[in-house]
Amino acid sequence: MASEMGRVKDALRNVQYIATDEISTVMFLAEKLGKPVLVEGPAGVGKTELAQAWAKISSRPLIRLQCYEGLDESKALYEWEYAKQMLYTQLLRDKLSQILANANSLTEAADRLAQEEDIFFSERFLLARPLLKAMTSDVPVVLLIDEIDRADAEFEAFLLEALSQFQVSIPEIGTIKAKHQPVVLLTSNNTRELSEALKRRCLYLFIDYPSQEVELNIVRMRVPELPARLAAQAVEIVQGLRGMDLKKNPSVSETIDWARALVMLNADSLDRETLENTLTVLLKHESDVQKAKRAVSGGRANPMENQRDPRQTRGQRRASDLGGNWS
């Protein structure tokens, strides 16, 4: 078992995704048990990237359904290409005239036309959306249902039914069963509580902000050109920001963006000016930016040389790390 988990972790790392033992175990079990995975956690901690990484290591296409308020069955499953149907109607006008010729009544004409309606409600006019694409794919796929918490509860109920049997019913065609059961990952940023029914049918995984060591490993992997000392300093500052009372904490993806920005600026150290000029790469609310700047101005030590009070909480220590004698 341990060797299996080690192979999963190594495979994910090879596609630049650093996984914990828990992540590796849950994804391994999802593959073996054929169960969807519900991945919850703050925005920007790698939930979507996990689906992308799993698609890469399993050599499967990734099909993504982005959820939003007002998403309904037709937008997620299928719809008819009415414009194409109208075009075919125009092109086949002469043929339709022959079919309807000599009809003695409107009823008879309608009956004759009804016998041909299967032509216009067939798969050639069916526009598959992500759910149907995943079920009708000729090869196994990874299906990412991103930010399910943004969709309405009604859509969640529909999704629950579709994923329980991995089949859907189209009134004009009939029931379509999945050719291959996809690996399904549902992500949630916890903007609303999901139903117990959905959670019961999924394996559960919570991804939180990484530890300082793990985040530093991520930065080194994704931005190897950033000097090691500067990478360590940048990660410590990000960890400190997350210890403050902000409207939105910087995500891991924003840490990576900041590291790349520092490379573009040819920075060799994080002085006060560089930090203040690049804070908006990390923080996306003006109140957060101002709060961070005040912490920088009011601090007493360089963030890499801070004398920490052992009575402080971890978050308080990180927040105090922002201040310093900046050169």
Protein backbone atom coordinates (compact mmCIF):
# COMPACT_ATOMS: atom_id res chain seq x y z
CA MET A 1 0.00 0.00 0.00
CA ALA A 2 2.78 2.42 0.95
CA SER A 3 4.58 1.70 -2.30
CA GLU A 4 1.38 2.42 -4.25
CA MET A 5 0.99 5.78 -2.52
CA GLY A 6 4.64 6.54 -3.18
CA ARG A 7 4.14 5.91 -6.89
CA VAL A 8 1.08 8.16 -6.94
CA LYS A 9 2.96 10.97 -5.17
CA ASP A 10 5.93 10.62 -7.50
CA ALA A 11 3.70 10.63 -10.57
CA LEU A 12 1.94 13.80 -9.40
CA ARG A 13 5.24 15.44 -8.59
CA ASN A 14 6.47 14.65 -12.10
CA VAL A 15 3.68 16.86 -13.44
CA GLN A 16 4.57 19.58 -10.89
CA TYR A 17 1.88 18.82 -8.33
CA ILE A 18 3.09 18.30 -4.76
CA ALA A 19 0.60 15.98 -3.08
CA THR A 20 0.21 15.04 0.55
CA ASP A 21 -0.25 11.43 1.64
CA GLU A 22 -3.97 12.13 2.07
CA ILE A 23 -4.36 13.48 -1.46
CA SER A 24 -2.48 10.52 -2.94
CA THR A 25 -4.54 8.02 -0.94
CA VAL A 26 -7.93 9.55 -1.82
CA MET A 27 -7.12 9.78 -5.53
CA PHE A 28 -5.84 6.20 -5.57
CA LEU A 29 -9.05 4.97 -3.90
CA ALA A 30 -11.25 7.05 -6.22
CA GLU A 31 -9.62 5.35 -9.19
CA LYS A 32 -10.00 1.86 -7.72
CA LEU A 33 -13.50 2.29 -6.25
CA GLY A 34 -14.95 4.30 -9.13
CA LYS A 35 -16.28 7.00 -6.80
CA PRO A 36 -16.35 10.78 -7.35
CA VAL A 37 -14.10 12.95 -5.19
CA LEU A 38 -15.43 16.09 -3.53
CA VAL A 39 -12.50 18.47 -3.00
CA GLU A 40 -13.15 21.42 -0.68
CA GLY A 41 -10.88 24.21 0.50
CA PRO A 42 -10.03 27.89 0.04
CA ALA A 43 -9.75 29.31 -3.46
CA GLY A 44 -6.37 28.91 -5.11
CA VAL A 45 -4.93 26.01 -3.10
CA GLY A 46 -4.72 23.56 -6.01
CA LYS A 47 -8.14 21.89 -6.25
CA THR A 48 -8.57 22.46 -9.99
CA GLU A 49 -4.88 21.74 -10.58
CA LEU A 50 -5.35 18.31 -8.96
CA ALA A 51 -7.84 17.34 -11.67
CA GLN A 52 -5.50 18.64 -14.36
CA ALA A 53 -2.57 16.75 -12.85
CA TRP A 54 -4.57 13.52 -12.57
CA ALA A 55 -5.59 13.81 -16.23
CA LYS A 56 -1.92 14.12 -17.17
CA ILE A 57 -0.62 11.18 -15.16
CA SER A 58 -3.48 8.94 -16.28
CA SER A 59 -3.16 10.10 -19.93
CA ARG A 60 -6.85 10.98 -20.09
CA PRO A 61 -8.53 14.00 -21.63
CA LEU A 62 -9.83 16.54 -19.12
CA ILE A 63 -13.43 17.71 -19.55
CA ARG A 64 -14.38 20.68 -17.39
CA LEU A 65 -17.81 21.90 -16.35
CA GLN A 66 -17.53 25.35 -14.79
CA CYS A 67 -20.45 25.91 -12.44
CA TYR A 68 -22.18 29.23 -11.85
CA GLU A 69 -25.46 30.58 -10.53
CA GLY A 70 -28.26 29.77 -12.97
CA LEU A 71 -26.51 26.76 -14.54
CA ASP A 72 -29.16 24.29 -15.64
CA GLU A 73 -29.44 20.85 -17.17
CA SER A 74 -29.42 22.01 -20.79
CA LYS A 75 -26.19 23.99 -20.40
CA ALA A 76 -24.45 21.13 -18.61
CA LEU A 77 -25.81 18.17 -20.55
CA TYR A 78 -26.99 18.93 -24.09
CA GLU A 79 -29.03 21.16 -26.33
CA TRP A 80 -30.37 20.94 -29.84
CA GLU A 81 -28.66 22.90 -32.61
CA TYR A 82 -31.78 24.69 -33.80
CA ALA A 83 -29.90 26.76 -36.38
CA LYS A 84 -28.54 23.59 -37.96
CA GLN A 85 -31.99 22.02 -37.92
CA MET A 86 -33.42 25.07 -39.70
CA LEU A 87 -30.65 24.95 -42.29
CA TYR A 88 -31.36 21.31 -43.04
CA THR A 89 -35.06 22.11 -43.28
CA GLN A 90 -34.30 24.70 -45.95
CA LEU A 91 -31.97 22.37 -47.83
CA LEU A 92 -34.50 19.52 -47.74
CA ARG A 93 -37.47 21.69 -48.66
CA ASP A 94 -38.01 19.93 -52.01
CA LYS A 95 -37.86 16.51 -50.37
CA LEU A 96 -40.35 17.60 -47.72
CA SER A 97 -42.66 18.85 -50.45
CA GLN A 98 -42.60 15.40 -52.07
CA ILE A 99 -43.35 13.74 -48.73
CA LEU A 100 -46.31 16.05 -48.09
CA ALA A 101 -47.65 15.95 -51.66
CA ASN A 102 -51.17 14.62 -52.16
CA ALA A 103 -51.94 14.78 -48.42
CA ASN A 104 -55.72 14.99 -48.15
CA SER A 105 -55.74 16.93 -44.87
CA LEU A 106 -53.57 18.81 -42.44
CA THR A 107 -53.78 15.85 -40.10
CA GLU A 108 -52.42 13.50 -42.72
CA ALA A 109 -49.63 15.96 -43.61
CA ALA A 110 -48.73 16.28 -39.93
CA ASP A 111 -48.66 12.50 -39.54
CA ARG A 112 -46.34 12.13 -42.52
CA LEU A 113 -44.05 14.83 -41.18
CA ALA A 114 -44.01 13.21 -37.73
CA GLN A 115 -42.65 10.03 -39.28
CA GLU A 116 -39.60 12.00 -40.40
CA GLU A 117 -38.97 13.97 -37.20
CA ASP A 118 -36.42 11.44 -35.93
CA ILE A 119 -34.12 12.80 -38.62
CA PHE A 120 -34.13 16.25 -37.04
CA PHE A 121 -33.87 14.97 -33.46
CA SER A 122 -30.94 12.64 -33.91
CA GLU A 123 -27.36 12.76 -32.69
CA ARG A 124 -26.27 14.75 -35.74
CA PHE A 125 -28.18 17.74 -34.35
CA LEU A 126 -27.29 17.11 -30.70
CA LEU A 127 -24.81 19.55 -29.19
CA ALA A 128 -23.10 17.74 -26.32
CA ARG A 129 -22.17 19.77 -23.27
CA PRO A 130 -19.50 18.66 -20.73
CA LEU A 131 -21.54 16.00 -18.88
CA LEU A 132 -22.70 14.30 -22.07
CA LYS A 133 -19.24 14.61 -23.62
CA ALA A 134 -17.76 12.78 -20.64
CA MET A 135 -20.32 9.98 -20.92
CA THR A 136 -20.12 9.52 -24.68
CA SER A 137 -16.36 9.82 -25.01
CA ASP A 138 -14.75 6.89 -26.81
CA VAL A 139 -11.88 6.96 -24.28
CA PRO A 140 -11.94 7.27 -20.46
CA VAL A 141 -11.79 10.89 -19.28
CA VAL A 142 -11.35 12.96 -16.14
CA LEU A 143 -14.48 15.04 -15.51
CA LEU A 144 -13.91 18.20 -13.47
CA ILE A 145 -17.06 19.81 -12.06
CA ASP A 146 -15.54 23.05 -10.87
CA GLU A 147 -17.01 25.18 -8.06
CA ILE A 148 -20.17 23.11 -7.58
CA ASP A 149 -21.05 25.35 -4.62
CA ARG A 150 -21.77 28.20 -7.07
CA ALA A 151 -24.57 26.23 -8.76
CA ASP A 152 -28.11 26.08 -7.41
CA ALA A 153 -29.34 23.28 -5.18
CA GLU A 154 -31.67 22.13 -7.99
CA PHE A 155 -28.71 21.58 -10.31
CA GLU A 156 -26.88 19.74 -7.55
CA ALA A 157 -29.86 17.36 -7.29
CA PHE A 158 -29.81 16.74 -11.05
CA LEU A 159 -26.08 16.15 -10.95
CA LEU A 160 -26.50 13.67 -8.14
CA GLU A 161 -28.89 11.61 -10.25
CA ALA A 162 -26.66 11.74 -13.33
CA LEU A 163 -23.53 10.67 -11.46
CA SER A 164 -25.21 7.88 -9.51
CA GLN A 165 -25.97 5.84 -12.64
CA PHE A 166 -23.61 7.51 -15.11
CA GLN A 167 -26.43 7.69 -17.60
CA VAL A 168 -28.79 10.38 -18.82
CA SER A 169 -32.17 10.35 -20.54
CA ILE A 170 -32.83 12.43 -23.63
CA PRO A 171 -36.58 12.36 -24.40
CA GLU A 172 -36.17 12.44 -28.19
CA ILE A 173 -33.46 9.75 -28.25
CA GLY A 174 -33.68 7.68 -25.07
CA THR A 175 -31.24 6.70 -22.35
CA ILE A 176 -27.54 7.16 -22.99
CA LYS A 177 -25.15 5.23 -20.78
CA ALA A 178 -21.51 6.18 -20.26
CA LYS A 179 -19.18 4.25 -22.55
CA HIS A 180 -16.48 4.55 -19.88
CA GLN A 181 -17.05 5.69 -16.31
CA PRO A 182 -15.08 8.92 -15.90
CA VAL A 183 -12.95 9.84 -12.92
CA VAL A 184 -14.99 12.69 -11.41
CA LEU A 185 -13.67 15.51 -9.25
CA LEU A 186 -16.02 18.12 -7.82
CA THR A 187 -14.47 21.23 -6.30
CA SER A 188 -16.01 23.62 -3.78
CA ASN A 189 -14.83 26.89 -2.23
CA ASN A 190 -17.37 26.49 0.60
CA THR A 191 -19.52 29.45 -0.46
CA ARG A 192 -22.57 27.35 0.51
CA GLU A 193 -23.19 24.06 2.27
CA LEU A 194 -23.53 21.11 -0.08
CA SER A 195 -26.16 18.43 0.44
CA GLU A 196 -25.47 15.40 2.58
CA ALA A 197 -26.66 13.22 -0.30
CA LEU A 198 -23.89 14.51 -2.54
CA LYS A 199 -21.25 14.18 0.15
CA ARG A 200 -22.39 10.64 0.94
CA ARG A 201 -21.74 9.51 -2.62
CA CYS A 202 -18.26 11.02 -2.81
CA LEU A 203 -14.89 10.48 -1.28
CA TYR A 204 -14.04 13.64 0.64
CA LEU A 205 -10.83 15.64 0.48
CA PHE A 206 -10.01 18.98 2.10
CA ILE A 207 -7.05 20.93 0.75
CA ASP A 208 -5.91 23.80 2.96
CA TYR A 209 -3.16 26.37 2.51
CA PRO A 210 0.18 24.52 2.54
CA SER A 211 2.77 24.71 5.27
CA GLN A 212 5.73 27.02 4.77
CA GLU A 213 7.96 24.10 3.80
CA VAL A 214 5.52 22.72 1.24
CA GLU A 215 4.79 26.14 -0.25
CA LEU A 216 8.51 26.80 -0.59
CA ASN A 217 8.88 23.48 -2.43
CA ILE A 218 6.05 24.51 -4.75
CA VAL A 219 7.70 27.86 -5.52
CA ARG A 220 11.06 26.21 -6.13
CA MET A 221 9.44 23.72 -8.50
CA ARG A 222 7.30 26.23 -10.42
CA VAL A 223 9.77 29.15 -10.43
CA PRO A 224 13.23 27.54 -10.31
CA GLU A 225 14.92 30.70 -11.58
CA LEU A 226 14.05 32.60 -8.36
CA PRO A 227 17.08 32.67 -6.01
CA ALA A 228 16.65 30.29 -3.07
CA ARG A 229 17.04 32.99 -0.40
CA LEU A 230 14.50 35.26 -2.09
CA ALA A 231 12.08 32.36 -2.51
CA ALA A 232 12.29 31.57 1.21
CA GLN A 233 11.77 35.23 2.10
CA ALA A 234 8.79 35.58 -0.24
CA VAL A 235 7.08 32.45 1.09
CA GLU A 236 7.57 33.56 4.70
CA ILE A 237 5.95 36.91 3.89
CA VAL A 238 2.99 35.17 2.22
CA GLN A 239 2.58 32.93 5.24
CA GLY A 240 2.63 36.05 7.40
CA LEU A 241 -0.07 37.69 5.32
CA ARG A 242 -2.31 34.68 5.84
CA GLY A 243 -1.92 35.16 9.57
CA MET A 244 -3.52 38.60 9.32
CA ASP A 245 -7.22 39.41 9.31
CA LEU A 246 -7.61 40.00 5.56
CA LYS A 247 -10.68 40.03 3.34
CA LYS A 248 -8.95 37.56 1.03
CA ASN A 249 -5.81 35.62 1.83
CA PRO A 250 -3.23 35.23 -0.94
CA SER A 251 -3.59 31.88 -2.68
CA VAL A 252 -0.81 29.51 -3.69
CA SER A 253 -1.32 30.49 -7.32
CA GLU A 254 -0.80 34.13 -6.31
CA THR A 255 2.39 33.18 -4.47
CA ILE A 256 3.63 31.64 -7.71
CA ASP A 257 2.60 34.77 -9.65
CA TRP A 258 4.50 36.92 -7.14
CA ALA A 259 7.59 34.75 -7.45
CA ARG A 260 7.47 35.12 -11.23
CA ALA A 261 6.98 38.88 -10.88
CA LEU A 262 10.10 39.10 -8.71
CA VAL A 263 12.04 37.26 -11.40
CA MET A 264 10.75 39.67 -14.05
CA LEU A 265 11.86 42.61 -11.87
CA ASN A 266 15.32 41.05 -11.45
CA ALA A 267 14.91 41.39 -7.68
CA ASP A 268 17.72 40.00 -5.57
CA SER A 269 16.14 40.88 -2.22
CA LEU A 270 12.78 41.99 -0.88
CA ASP A 271 13.34 45.57 0.18
CA ARG A 272 10.47 47.79 1.35
CA GLU A 273 9.98 49.45 -2.06
CA THR A 274 9.81 46.15 -3.96
CA LEU A 275 7.39 44.68 -1.43
CA GLU A 276 5.04 47.67 -1.46
CA ASN A 277 5.11 47.98 -5.27
CA THR A 278 4.24 44.31 -5.78
CA LEU A 279 1.74 43.71 -2.96
CA THR A 280 -1.18 43.90 -5.40
CA VAL A 281 0.05 40.71 -7.05
CA LEU A 282 -0.83 38.99 -3.77
CA LEU A 283 -3.67 41.11 -2.38
CA LYS A 284 -6.75 42.09 -4.38
CA HIS A 285 -8.52 44.42 -1.93
CA GLU A 286 -7.26 47.92 -1.20
CA SER A 287 -8.04 47.55 2.50
CA ASP A 288 -5.82 44.44 2.60
CA VAL A 289 -3.01 46.26 0.78
CA GLN A 290 -3.13 49.16 3.23
CA LYS A 291 -3.21 46.81 6.20
CA ALA A 292 -0.13 44.99 4.90
CA LYS A 293 1.70 48.27 4.31
CA ARG A 294 0.96 49.38 7.87
CA ALA A 295 2.34 46.07 9.13
CA VAL A 296 5.52 46.66 7.15
CA SER A 297 5.89 50.20 8.52
CA GLY A 298 5.08 49.24 12.09
CA GLY A 299 7.22 46.11 12.36
CA ARG A 300 10.41 45.93 14.34
CA ALA A 301 12.59 43.42 12.51
CA ASN A 302 13.56 42.07 9.15
CA PRO A 303 11.19 39.19 8.27
CA MET A 304 14.10 36.82 7.81
CA GLU A 305 15.74 37.77 11.12
CA ASN A 306 12.71 38.29 13.34
CA GLN A 307 13.13 37.65 17.06
CA ARG A 308 9.89 35.82 17.79
CA ASP A 309 7.98 35.87 21.02
CA PRO A 310 7.23 32.23 21.93
CA ARG A 311 3.93 33.33 23.50
CA GLN A 312 2.64 34.54 20.13
CA THR A 313 0.35 32.35 18.04
CA ARG A 314 1.62 31.11 14.72
CA GLY A 315 -0.54 33.63 12.86
CA GLN A 316 0.63 36.51 15.09
CA ARG A 317 4.26 35.58 14.55
CA ARG A 318 3.76 35.51 10.78
CA ALA A 319 1.95 38.82 10.81
CA SER A 320 4.78 40.45 12.79
CA ASP A 321 7.24 39.03 10.26
CA LEU A 322 6.00 41.55 7.70
CA GLY A 323 7.51 44.51 9.48
CA GLY A 324 11.19 45.26 9.42
CA ASN A 325 14.27 47.37 8.92
CA TRP A 326 13.94 47.44 5.17
CA SER A 327 16.92 48.56 3.16
